């Protein structure tokens, strides 16, 4: 892995002790919160690999819950996140999985839910507070959270990429990276588009109005 600065190694300003086990975990939690769009009623967190063995000692548990509550890596409220969640009426359940084959030792799966819907993401902490989201609601993705991103859930139909790209062109948005994942041909697909600038809310609503688009979400940390 190449590092651009010393801060890529030591990590961001954060509540310690570990950039990978604490700051990275908090960022995974924040991605889940941003995509869900609100405070959930229940948080299920499954730890794998090193996270499963050391989550209590390294504060991974409180960090990831703090992220789901919307706290930044340096927010001192992270240390009390479990109690804050309890007082807010948010149920938190932790699970340990030592059986599933994993691609990285610092891996967690978060499921958020309320009476309206649920969201499940899988993320890995790759060091220095950096993360990758590898799965969203069963779709395989590769999302860092370092750049603004647009996530478009849509039916797998001809011309969907062109339709979304045309909207971005009208709004003069430059695409930095793009990928499309689908579960099976003709079912649902997820478009993940990283952009150089934050996308205006009006542009998101325009994309949601495209036929066969089910939901459009912005991710900007």
C-alpha atoms as a PDB file:
ATOM      1  CA  UNK A   1       0.000   0.000   0.000  1.00  0.00           C
ATOM      2  CA  UNK A   2       1.291   3.492  -0.853  1.00  0.00           C
ATOM      3  CA  UNK A   3       0.945   6.328   1.653  1.00  0.00           C
ATOM      4  CA  UNK A   4       0.751   9.944   0.515  1.00  0.00           C
ATOM      5  CA  UNK A   5       1.618  11.439   3.905  1.00  0.00           C
ATOM      6  CA  UNK A   6       2.469  10.517   7.477  1.00  0.00           C
ATOM      7  CA  UNK A   7      -1.215  11.046   8.360  1.00  0.00           C
ATOM      8  CA  UNK A   8      -2.113   8.058   6.171  1.00  0.00           C
ATOM      9  CA  UNK A   9      -0.035   5.976   8.594  1.00  0.00           C
ATOM     10  CA  UNK A  10      -0.845   7.439  12.012  1.00  0.00           C
ATOM     11  CA  UNK A  11      -4.473   8.120  11.116  1.00  0.00           C
ATOM     12  CA  UNK A  12      -6.868  11.038  11.632  1.00  0.00           C
ATOM     13  CA  UNK A  13      -7.528  13.075  14.769  1.00  0.00           C
ATOM     14  CA  UNK A  14      -9.419  10.536  16.798  1.00  0.00           C
ATOM     15  CA  UNK A  15     -10.483   8.971  20.055  1.00  0.00           C
ATOM     16  CA  UNK A  16      -7.895   6.178  20.500  1.00  0.00           C
ATOM     17  CA  UNK A  17      -6.307   3.815  20.897  1.00  0.00           C
ATOM     18  CA  UNK A  18      -6.051   2.517  17.324  1.00  0.00           C
ATOM     19  CA  UNK A  19      -6.470   4.125  13.908  1.00  0.00           C
ATOM     20  CA  UNK A  20      -7.554   0.826  12.378  1.00  0.00           C
ATOM     21  CA  UNK A  21      -9.615  -0.620  15.241  1.00  0.00           C
ATOM     22  CA  UNK A  22     -11.125   2.662  16.480  1.00  0.00           C
ATOM     23  CA  UNK A  23     -11.050   5.421  13.849  1.00  0.00           C
ATOM     24  CA  UNK A  24     -11.659   3.011  10.976  1.00  0.00           C
ATOM     25  CA  UNK A  25     -14.517   1.375  12.846  1.00  0.00           C
ATOM     26  CA  UNK A  26     -16.108   4.759  13.545  1.00  0.00           C
ATOM     27  CA  UNK A  27     -15.932   5.641   9.839  1.00  0.00           C
ATOM     28  CA  UNK A  28     -17.593   2.354   8.855  1.00  0.00           C
ATOM     29  CA  UNK A  29     -20.379   3.172  11.301  1.00  0.00           C
ATOM     30  CA  UNK A  30     -20.763   6.688   9.886  1.00  0.00           C
ATOM     31  CA  UNK A  31     -21.088   5.345   6.346  1.00  0.00           C
ATOM     32  CA  UNK A  32     -23.936   3.125   7.537  1.00  0.00           C
ATOM     33  CA  UNK A  33     -25.623   6.094   9.244  1.00  0.00           C
ATOM     34  CA  UNK A  34     -25.307   8.377   6.201  1.00  0.00           C
ATOM     35  CA  UNK A  35     -26.717   5.736   3.857  1.00  0.00           C
ATOM     36  CA  UNK A  36     -29.574   4.918   6.236  1.00  0.00           C
ATOM     37  CA  UNK A  37     -30.298   8.637   6.554  1.00  0.00           C
ATOM     38  CA  UNK A  38     -31.493   8.714  10.156  1.00  0.00           C
ATOM     39  CA  UNK A  39     -31.061   7.163  13.569  1.00  0.00           C
ATOM     40  CA  UNK A  40     -32.068   3.469  13.514  1.00  0.00           C
ATOM     41  CA  UNK A  41     -34.145   1.710  16.121  1.00  0.00           C
ATOM     42  CA  UNK A  42     -31.843  -1.312  16.191  1.00  0.00           C
ATOM     43  CA  UNK A  43     -28.156  -1.832  15.388  1.00  0.00           C
ATOM     44  CA  UNK A  44     -26.791  -5.322  14.818  1.00  0.00           C
ATOM     45  CA  UNK A  45     -22.989  -5.464  14.541  1.00  0.00           C
ATOM     46  CA  UNK A  46     -21.065  -8.605  13.615  1.00  0.00           C
ATOM     47  CA  UNK A  47     -17.307  -8.644  14.139  1.00  0.00           C
ATOM     48  CA  UNK A  48     -14.937 -10.869  12.176  1.00  0.00           C
ATOM     49  CA  UNK A  49     -11.220 -11.701  12.413  1.00  0.00           C
ATOM     50  CA  UNK A  50      -9.142  -9.357  14.557  1.00  0.00           C
ATOM     51  CA  UNK A  51     -12.206  -7.233  15.310  1.00  0.00           C
ATOM     52  CA  UNK A  52     -13.870 -10.295  16.816  1.00  0.00           C
ATOM     53  CA  UNK A  53     -10.944 -10.933  19.138  1.00  0.00           C
ATOM     54  CA  UNK A  54     -10.030  -7.402  20.240  1.00  0.00           C
ATOM     55  CA  UNK A  55     -13.135  -5.237  19.789  1.00  0.00           C
ATOM     56  CA  UNK A  56     -13.587  -4.569  23.497  1.00  0.00           C
ATOM     57  CA  UNK A  57      -9.962  -3.811  24.334  1.00  0.00           C
ATOM     58  CA  UNK A  58      -9.437  -1.553  21.308  1.00  0.00           C
ATOM     59  CA  UNK A  59     -12.761   0.256  21.583  1.00  0.00           C
ATOM     60  CA  UNK A  60     -14.056  -1.033  18.267  1.00  0.00           C
ATOM     61  CA  UNK A  61     -17.485  -1.632  19.798  1.00  0.00           C
ATOM     62  CA  UNK A  62     -17.979   1.913  21.083  1.00  0.00           C
ATOM     63  CA  UNK A  63     -16.379   3.421  17.965  1.00  0.00           C
ATOM     64  CA  UNK A  64     -18.635   1.684  15.482  1.00  0.00           C
ATOM     65  CA  UNK A  65     -21.748   2.531  17.498  1.00  0.00           C
ATOM     66  CA  UNK A  66     -20.538   6.119  17.787  1.00  0.00           C
ATOM     67  CA  UNK A  67     -20.187   6.257  14.021  1.00  0.00           C
ATOM     68  CA  UNK A  68     -23.748   4.990  13.573  1.00  0.00           C
ATOM     69  CA  UNK A  69     -24.900   7.718  15.975  1.00  0.00           C
ATOM     70  CA  UNK A  70     -23.217  10.240  13.666  1.00  0.00           C
ATOM     71  CA  UNK A  71     -20.094  10.986  15.723  1.00  0.00           C
ATOM     72  CA  UNK A  72     -16.825  11.888  13.995  1.00  0.00           C
ATOM     73  CA  UNK A  73     -13.588  10.045  14.851  1.00  0.00           C
ATOM     74  CA  UNK A  74     -12.517  12.848  17.239  1.00  0.00           C
ATOM     75  CA  UNK A  75     -15.867  13.212  19.011  1.00  0.00           C
ATOM     76  CA  UNK A  76     -15.409  12.590  22.740  1.00  0.00           C
ATOM     77  CA  UNK A  77     -18.958  11.231  22.960  1.00  0.00           C
ATOM     78  CA  UNK A  78     -17.700   8.024  21.337  1.00  0.00           C
ATOM     79  CA  UNK A  79     -16.539   6.722  24.723  1.00  0.00           C
ATOM     80  CA  UNK A  80     -20.149   6.914  25.965  1.00  0.00           C
ATOM     81  CA  UNK A  81     -21.793   5.805  22.713  1.00  0.00           C
ATOM     82  CA  UNK A  82     -23.348   2.636  24.137  1.00  0.00           C
ATOM     83  CA  UNK A  83     -25.003   4.563  26.947  1.00  0.00           C
ATOM     84  CA  UNK A  84     -26.083   7.351  24.573  1.00  0.00           C
ATOM     85  CA  UNK A  85     -27.661   4.753  22.284  1.00  0.00           C
ATOM     86  CA  UNK A  86     -29.473   3.172  25.238  1.00  0.00           C
ATOM     87  CA  UNK A  87     -30.821   6.531  26.429  1.00  0.00           C
ATOM     88  CA  UNK A  88     -31.965   7.292  22.871  1.00  0.00           C
ATOM     89  CA  UNK A  89     -33.931   4.061  22.682  1.00  0.00           C
ATOM     90  CA  UNK A  90     -31.596   2.460  20.154  1.00  0.00           C
ATOM     91  CA  UNK A  91     -31.086  -1.270  20.689  1.00  0.00           C
ATOM     92  CA  UNK A  92     -27.498  -2.465  20.086  1.00  0.00           C
ATOM     93  CA  UNK A  93     -26.652  -6.141  19.634  1.00  0.00           C
ATOM     94  CA  UNK A  94     -23.136  -7.475  19.023  1.00  0.00           C
ATOM     95  CA  UNK A  95     -22.349 -10.759  17.290  1.00  0.00           C
ATOM     96  CA  UNK A  96     -19.071 -12.642  16.836  1.00  0.00           C
ATOM     97  CA  UNK A  97     -18.440 -14.720  13.710  1.00  0.00           C
ATOM     98  CA  UNK A  98     -15.291 -16.812  13.603  1.00  0.00           C
ATOM     99  CA  UNK A  99     -16.563 -19.210  10.939  1.00  0.00           C
ATOM    100  CA  UNK A 100     -17.202 -17.091   7.837  1.00  0.00           C
ATOM    101  CA  UNK A 101     -14.328 -16.833   5.366  1.00  0.00           C
ATOM    102  CA  UNK A 102     -13.146 -13.215   5.310  1.00  0.00           C
ATOM    103  CA  UNK A 103     -11.028 -11.103   2.982  1.00  0.00           C
ATOM    104  CA  UNK A 104      -9.513  -8.857   5.667  1.00  0.00           C
ATOM    105  CA  UNK A 105      -8.903  -9.309   9.421  1.00  0.00           C
ATOM    106  CA  UNK A 106     -10.522  -5.996  10.393  1.00  0.00           C
ATOM    107  CA  UNK A 107     -14.021  -6.608   9.133  1.00  0.00           C
ATOM    108  CA  UNK A 108     -17.478  -5.744  10.446  1.00  0.00           C
ATOM    109  CA  UNK A 109     -21.024  -6.084   9.197  1.00  0.00           C
ATOM    110  CA  UNK A 110     -23.630  -3.568  10.328  1.00  0.00           C
ATOM    111  CA  UNK A 111     -27.379  -3.932  10.006  1.00  0.00           C
ATOM    112  CA  UNK A 112     -29.549  -0.913  10.767  1.00  0.00           C
ATOM    113  CA  UNK A 113     -33.291  -1.130  10.917  1.00  0.00           C
ATOM    114  CA  UNK A 114     -36.474   0.578  11.985  1.00  0.00           C
ATOM    115  CA  UNK A 115     -40.152   0.038  11.227  1.00  0.00           C
ATOM    116  CA  UNK A 116     -39.746   1.319   7.645  1.00  0.00           C
ATOM    117  CA  UNK A 117     -36.667  -0.403   6.241  1.00  0.00           C
ATOM    118  CA  UNK A 118     -33.298  -1.991   6.911  1.00  0.00           C
ATOM    119  CA  UNK A 119     -29.772  -1.500   5.600  1.00  0.00           C
ATOM    120  CA  UNK A 120     -26.837  -3.894   5.801  1.00  0.00           C
ATOM    121  CA  UNK A 121     -23.254  -2.997   4.938  1.00  0.00           C
ATOM    122  CA  UNK A 122     -19.927  -4.782   5.299  1.00  0.00           C
ATOM    123  CA  UNK A 123     -16.775  -2.754   5.784  1.00  0.00           C
ATOM    124  CA  UNK A 124     -13.078  -3.304   6.410  1.00  0.00           C
ATOM    125  CA  UNK A 125     -10.583  -1.039   8.159  1.00  0.00           C
ATOM    126  CA  UNK A 126      -7.381  -1.029   6.108  1.00  0.00           C
ATOM    127  CA  UNK A 127      -5.157   1.087   8.374  1.00  0.00           C
ATOM    128  CA  UNK A 128      -4.578   4.750   9.176  1.00  0.00           C
ATOM    129  CA  UNK A 129      -8.294   5.305   9.675  1.00  0.00           C
ATOM    130  CA  UNK A 130      -9.010   4.376   6.058  1.00  0.00           C
ATOM    131  CA  UNK A 131     -11.831   2.007   5.160  1.00  0.00           C
ATOM    132  CA  UNK A 132     -13.476   0.187   2.302  1.00  0.00           C
ATOM    133  CA  UNK A 133     -17.139  -0.698   2.105  1.00  0.00           C
ATOM    134  CA  UNK A 134     -17.271  -4.055   0.344  1.00  0.00           C
ATOM    135  CA  UNK A 135     -20.976  -4.879   0.417  1.00  0.00           C
ATOM    136  CA  UNK A 136     -24.254  -2.946   0.585  1.00  0.00           C
ATOM    137  CA  UNK A 137     -27.499  -4.907   0.955  1.00  0.00           C
ATOM    138  CA  UNK A 138     -25.959  -7.918  -0.748  1.00  0.00           C
ATOM    139  CA  UNK A 139     -24.350  -5.963  -3.607  1.00  0.00           C
ATOM    140  CA  UNK A 140     -20.571  -6.299  -3.911  1.00  0.00           C
ATOM    141  CA  UNK A 141     -18.985  -2.831  -4.069  1.00  0.00           C
ATOM    142  CA  UNK A 142     -15.690  -1.073  -3.432  1.00  0.00           C
ATOM    143  CA  UNK A 143     -16.300   2.258  -1.751  1.00  0.00           C
ATOM    144  CA  UNK A 144     -13.722   4.213   0.235  1.00  0.00           C
ATOM    145  CA  UNK A 145     -15.780   7.128   1.515  1.00  0.00           C
ATOM    146  CA  UNK A 146     -12.884   9.457   0.671  1.00  0.00           C
ATOM    147  CA  UNK A 147     -14.774  11.123  -2.200  1.00  0.00           C
ATOM    148  CA  UNK A 148     -18.407  12.184  -2.525  1.00  0.00           C
ATOM    149  CA  UNK A 149     -20.403   9.263  -3.885  1.00  0.00           C
ATOM    150  CA  UNK A 150     -23.817   8.733  -5.414  1.00  0.00           C
ATOM    151  CA  UNK A 151     -25.511   5.369  -4.905  1.00  0.00           C
ATOM    152  CA  UNK A 152     -28.372   4.586  -7.260  1.00  0.00           C
ATOM    153  CA  UNK A 153     -30.520   1.505  -6.664  1.00  0.00           C
ATOM    154  CA  UNK A 154     -32.412   0.683  -9.838  1.00  0.00           C
ATOM    155  CA  UNK A 155     -34.019  -2.057 -11.854  1.00  0.00           C
ATOM    156  CA  UNK A 156     -31.592  -3.736 -14.233  1.00  0.00           C
ATOM    157  CA  UNK A 157     -32.779  -2.172 -17.476  1.00  0.00           C
ATOM    158  CA  UNK A 158     -31.162  -1.029 -20.725  1.00  0.00           C
ATOM    159  CA  UNK A 159     -29.897   2.577 -20.735  1.00  0.00           C
ATOM    160  CA  UNK A 160     -29.820   3.201 -16.968  1.00  0.00           C
ATOM    161  CA  UNK A 161     -26.135   4.191 -16.885  1.00  0.00           C
ATOM    162  CA  UNK A 162     -26.644   6.618 -19.762  1.00  0.00           C
ATOM    163  CA  UNK A 163     -29.709   8.173 -18.108  1.00  0.00           C
ATOM    164  CA  UNK A 164     -27.872   8.833 -14.840  1.00  0.00           C
ATOM    165  CA  UNK A 165     -24.740  10.035 -16.643  1.00  0.00           C
ATOM    166  CA  UNK A 166     -26.810  12.523 -18.642  1.00  0.00           C
ATOM    167  CA  UNK A 167     -28.089  14.101 -15.438  1.00  0.00           C
ATOM    168  CA  UNK A 168     -24.563  14.369 -14.048  1.00  0.00           C
ATOM    169  CA  UNK A 169     -23.426  15.966 -17.302  1.00  0.00           C
ATOM    170  CA  UNK A 170     -26.174  18.600 -17.127  1.00  0.00           C
ATOM    171  CA  UNK A 171     -25.066  19.427 -13.589  1.00  0.00           C
ATOM    172  CA  UNK A 172     -21.408  19.557 -14.745  1.00  0.00           C
ATOM    173  CA  UNK A 173     -20.349  16.823 -12.321  1.00  0.00           C
ATOM    174  CA  UNK A 174     -17.098  15.017 -13.092  1.00  0.00           C
ATOM    175  CA  UNK A 175     -17.113  11.258 -12.473  1.00  0.00           C
ATOM    176  CA  UNK A 176     -13.979  10.031 -10.677  1.00  0.00           C
ATOM    177  CA  UNK A 177     -14.926   6.342 -10.517  1.00  0.00           C
ATOM    178  CA  UNK A 178     -17.967   4.229 -11.295  1.00  0.00           C
ATOM    179  CA  UNK A 179     -19.105   0.636 -10.867  1.00  0.00           C
ATOM    180  CA  UNK A 180     -22.355  -1.268 -11.238  1.00  0.00           C
ATOM    181  CA  UNK A 181     -23.261  -4.409  -9.310  1.00  0.00           C
ATOM    182  CA  UNK A 182     -26.299  -6.621  -9.784  1.00  0.00           C
ATOM    183  CA  UNK A 183     -27.544  -9.741  -8.079  1.00  0.00           C
ATOM    184  CA  UNK A 184     -28.892 -11.330 -11.256  1.00  0.00           C
ATOM    185  CA  UNK A 185     -29.765 -10.295 -14.804  1.00  0.00           C
ATOM    186  CA  UNK A 186     -32.956  -8.272 -14.995  1.00  0.00           C
ATOM    187  CA  UNK A 187     -33.380  -7.893 -11.218  1.00  0.00           C
ATOM    188  CA  UNK A 188     -32.044  -4.994  -9.150  1.00  0.00           C
ATOM    189  CA  UNK A 189     -28.699  -3.280  -9.635  1.00  0.00           C
ATOM    190  CA  UNK A 190     -26.654  -0.786  -7.637  1.00  0.00           C
ATOM    191  CA  UNK A 191     -24.722   1.997  -9.330  1.00  0.00           C
ATOM    192  CA  UNK A 192     -21.887   3.536  -7.273  1.00  0.00           C
ATOM    193  CA  UNK A 193     -20.488   6.766  -8.693  1.00  0.00           C
ATOM    194  CA  UNK A 194     -17.686   8.726  -7.020  1.00  0.00           C
ATOM    195  CA  UNK A 195     -17.541  12.384  -8.070  1.00  0.00           C
ATOM    196  CA  UNK A 196     -15.059  15.228  -7.715  1.00  0.00           C
ATOM    197  CA  UNK A 197     -17.678  17.494  -6.125  1.00  0.00           C
ATOM    198  CA  UNK A 198     -20.688  17.109  -3.871  1.00  0.00           C
ATOM    199  CA  UNK A 199     -23.839  16.510  -5.886  1.00  0.00           C
ATOM    200  CA  UNK A 200     -26.657  19.025  -5.257  1.00  0.00           C
ATOM    201  CA  UNK A 201     -29.851  17.652  -3.735  1.00  0.00           C
ATOM    202  CA  UNK A 202     -31.846  18.836  -6.761  1.00  0.00           C
ATOM    203  CA  UNK A 203     -29.681  16.637  -8.978  1.00  0.00           C
ATOM    204  CA  UNK A 204     -30.317  13.651  -6.712  1.00  0.00           C
ATOM    205  CA  UNK A 205     -34.071  14.234  -6.929  1.00  0.00           C
ATOM    206  CA  UNK A 206     -33.776  14.458 -10.711  1.00  0.00           C
ATOM    207  CA  UNK A 207     -32.009  11.095 -10.759  1.00  0.00           C
ATOM    208  CA  UNK A 208     -34.650   9.563  -8.482  1.00  0.00           C
ATOM    209  CA  UNK A 209     -37.290  10.661 -11.002  1.00  0.00           C
ATOM    210  CA  UNK A 210     -35.699   8.585 -13.776  1.00  0.00           C
ATOM    211  CA  UNK A 211     -37.913   5.598 -14.690  1.00  0.00           C
ATOM    212  CA  UNK A 212     -36.778   2.346 -12.996  1.00  0.00           C
ATOM    213  CA  UNK A 213     -34.690   4.193 -10.352  1.00  0.00           C
ATOM    214  CA  UNK A 214     -35.777   2.941  -6.930  1.00  0.00           C
ATOM    215  CA  UNK A 215     -33.605   5.104  -4.677  1.00  0.00           C
ATOM    216  CA  UNK A 216     -30.689   7.534  -4.922  1.00  0.00           C
ATOM    217  CA  UNK A 217     -28.475   8.317  -1.924  1.00  0.00           C
ATOM    218  CA  UNK A 218     -25.530  10.625  -1.344  1.00  0.00           C
ATOM    219  CA  UNK A 219     -22.495   9.644   0.676  1.00  0.00           C
ATOM    220  CA  UNK A 220     -20.245  12.496   1.740  1.00  0.00           C
ATOM    221  CA  UNK A 221     -18.149  12.236   4.885  1.00  0.00           C
END
